[in-house]
N, C-alpha and C. Protein backbone atom coordinates (compact mmCIF):
# COMPACT_ATOMS: atom_id res chain seq x y z
N MET A 1 169.55 -151.49 123.87
CA MET A 1 169.38 -151.84 125.21
C MET A 1 169.23 -150.61 126.12
N THR A 2 168.17 -150.58 126.86
CA THR A 2 167.98 -149.49 127.79
C THR A 2 167.78 -150.07 129.17
N ALA A 3 168.26 -149.34 130.10
CA ALA A 3 168.14 -149.81 131.47
C ALA A 3 166.90 -149.16 132.03
N SER A 4 166.18 -149.97 132.82
CA SER A 4 164.97 -149.51 133.37
C SER A 4 165.28 -148.98 134.76
N LEU A 5 164.63 -147.87 135.10
CA LEU A 5 164.82 -147.30 136.41
C LEU A 5 163.91 -147.86 137.42
N SER A 6 164.45 -148.37 138.43
CA SER A 6 163.64 -148.91 139.61
C SER A 6 163.34 -147.79 140.55
N PRO A 7 162.24 -148.02 141.36
CA PRO A 7 162.03 -147.08 142.43
C PRO A 7 163.07 -146.94 143.36
N THR A 8 163.22 -145.82 143.98
CA THR A 8 164.29 -145.56 144.99
C THR A 8 164.19 -146.54 146.17
N PRO A 9 165.27 -147.20 146.52
CA PRO A 9 165.16 -148.11 147.68
C PRO A 9 164.87 -147.26 148.94
N PRO A 10 164.21 -147.93 149.93
CA PRO A 10 163.89 -147.12 151.11
C PRO A 10 165.01 -146.61 151.89
N LEU A 11 166.20 -147.18 151.84
CA LEU A 11 167.32 -146.64 152.52
C LEU A 11 167.82 -145.26 151.98
N VAL A 12 167.49 -144.90 150.82
CA VAL A 12 167.96 -143.68 150.31
C VAL A 12 166.86 -142.60 150.27
N THR A 13 165.64 -142.96 150.52
CA THR A 13 164.64 -141.88 150.55
C THR A 13 164.82 -140.92 151.73
N PRO A 14 164.60 -139.65 151.39
CA PRO A 14 164.76 -138.71 152.47
C PRO A 14 163.69 -138.78 153.59
N ARG A 15 164.11 -138.48 154.76
CA ARG A 15 163.17 -138.46 155.89
C ARG A 15 162.09 -137.34 155.79
N LYS A 16 160.97 -137.60 156.16
CA LYS A 16 159.89 -136.63 156.02
C LYS A 16 159.86 -135.65 157.26
N GLU A 17 160.46 -135.99 158.34
CA GLU A 17 160.38 -135.13 159.55
C GLU A 17 161.80 -134.68 159.90
N ALA A 18 161.93 -133.64 160.53
CA ALA A 18 163.15 -133.13 161.00
C ALA A 18 163.26 -133.58 162.53
N GLY A 19 164.55 -133.73 162.97
CA GLY A 19 164.66 -134.03 164.40
C GLY A 19 165.47 -135.27 164.62
N PRO A 20 165.88 -135.62 165.76
CA PRO A 20 166.70 -136.73 166.07
C PRO A 20 166.05 -138.03 165.79
N PHE A 21 166.82 -139.09 165.36
CA PHE A 21 166.24 -140.38 165.18
C PHE A 21 165.70 -140.94 166.41
N LEU A 22 166.44 -140.83 167.49
CA LEU A 22 166.05 -141.36 168.75
C LEU A 22 166.11 -140.29 169.88
N SER A 23 165.28 -140.46 170.79
CA SER A 23 165.31 -139.45 171.93
C SER A 23 166.48 -139.76 172.89
N ARG A 24 166.74 -138.84 173.78
CA ARG A 24 167.81 -139.00 174.78
C ARG A 24 167.59 -140.28 175.62
N ASP A 25 166.37 -140.51 176.02
CA ASP A 25 165.99 -141.67 176.84
C ASP A 25 166.14 -143.00 176.04
N GLU A 26 165.99 -142.94 174.76
CA GLU A 26 166.23 -144.20 173.98
C GLU A 26 167.64 -144.43 173.72
N VAL A 27 168.50 -143.36 173.59
CA VAL A 27 169.91 -143.49 173.23
C VAL A 27 170.70 -144.00 174.38
N ARG A 28 170.44 -143.44 175.56
CA ARG A 28 171.33 -143.73 176.71
C ARG A 28 171.43 -145.27 177.05
N PRO A 29 170.29 -146.03 177.09
CA PRO A 29 170.54 -147.48 177.32
C PRO A 29 171.26 -148.25 176.29
N ILE A 30 171.10 -147.84 175.02
CA ILE A 30 171.68 -148.45 173.89
C ILE A 30 173.24 -148.23 174.03
N LEU A 31 173.64 -147.06 174.31
CA LEU A 31 175.13 -146.78 174.57
C LEU A 31 175.65 -147.06 175.91
N GLN A 32 174.78 -147.48 176.80
CA GLN A 32 175.07 -147.88 178.17
C GLN A 32 175.78 -146.61 178.84
N LEU A 33 175.08 -145.49 178.78
CA LEU A 33 175.66 -144.29 179.37
C LEU A 33 174.78 -143.88 180.60
N ASP A 34 175.46 -143.39 181.56
CA ASP A 34 174.75 -142.70 182.61
C ASP A 34 174.55 -141.19 182.20
N GLU A 35 173.92 -140.45 183.08
CA GLU A 35 173.65 -139.03 182.70
C GLU A 35 174.91 -138.23 182.48
N ALA A 36 175.91 -138.44 183.31
CA ALA A 36 177.23 -137.76 183.20
C ALA A 36 177.94 -138.11 181.91
N GLY A 37 177.88 -139.34 181.56
CA GLY A 37 178.53 -139.81 180.26
C GLY A 37 177.85 -139.15 179.05
N PHE A 38 176.50 -139.10 179.11
CA PHE A 38 175.78 -138.46 178.01
C PHE A 38 176.06 -137.01 177.90
N GLU A 39 176.18 -136.32 179.06
CA GLU A 39 176.54 -134.91 179.03
C GLU A 39 177.88 -134.66 178.47
N LYS A 40 178.88 -135.56 178.69
CA LYS A 40 180.23 -135.45 178.20
C LYS A 40 180.26 -135.51 176.64
N ILE A 41 179.40 -136.43 176.13
CA ILE A 41 179.34 -136.60 174.76
C ILE A 41 178.64 -135.38 174.08
N LYS A 42 177.65 -134.82 174.70
CA LYS A 42 177.05 -133.58 174.17
C LYS A 42 178.02 -132.42 174.28
N TYR A 43 178.84 -132.36 175.31
CA TYR A 43 179.79 -131.28 175.38
C TYR A 43 180.81 -131.44 174.23
N TYR A 44 181.31 -132.59 174.05
CA TYR A 44 182.32 -132.78 172.97
C TYR A 44 181.74 -132.44 171.59
N LEU A 45 180.51 -132.86 171.35
CA LEU A 45 179.93 -132.60 170.02
C LEU A 45 179.69 -131.09 169.84
N ARG A 46 179.46 -130.37 170.93
CA ARG A 46 179.25 -128.98 170.83
C ARG A 46 180.43 -128.16 170.65
N THR A 47 181.52 -128.57 171.37
CA THR A 47 182.79 -127.71 171.47
C THR A 47 183.91 -128.36 170.59
N ARG A 48 183.88 -129.63 170.39
CA ARG A 48 184.93 -130.38 169.70
C ARG A 48 186.17 -130.55 170.51
N GLU A 49 186.07 -130.34 171.80
CA GLU A 49 187.26 -130.60 172.65
C GLU A 49 186.86 -131.52 173.74
N MET A 50 187.84 -132.31 174.27
CA MET A 50 187.49 -133.34 175.27
C MET A 50 187.06 -132.61 176.57
N PRO A 51 185.99 -133.16 177.21
CA PRO A 51 185.56 -132.48 178.43
C PRO A 51 186.46 -132.84 179.61
N THR A 52 186.66 -131.84 180.43
CA THR A 52 187.28 -132.02 181.76
C THR A 52 186.31 -131.66 182.76
N ALA A 53 186.54 -132.02 184.03
CA ALA A 53 185.62 -131.73 185.14
C ALA A 53 185.48 -130.22 185.25
N LYS A 54 186.52 -129.44 185.08
CA LYS A 54 186.47 -127.99 185.19
C LYS A 54 185.54 -127.42 184.10
N LYS A 55 185.71 -127.87 182.89
CA LYS A 55 184.95 -127.30 181.74
C LYS A 55 183.49 -127.76 181.73
N LEU A 56 183.25 -128.98 182.15
CA LEU A 56 181.88 -129.55 182.02
C LEU A 56 180.92 -128.96 183.13
N PHE A 57 181.49 -128.79 184.33
CA PHE A 57 180.57 -128.32 185.36
C PHE A 57 180.96 -127.03 185.96
């Protein structure tokens, strides 16, 4: 008994292009964020600390 190898399913194939999946303008309505909320998330991802008004602006 031998197992046959099937082609790689599409969910596991590597992406051919580098870059974000969605642009900033596509993400904001999905997450229901205004510009300030989006900037807070970007700040957190960059620094790994919660943003405060003093640090963000």
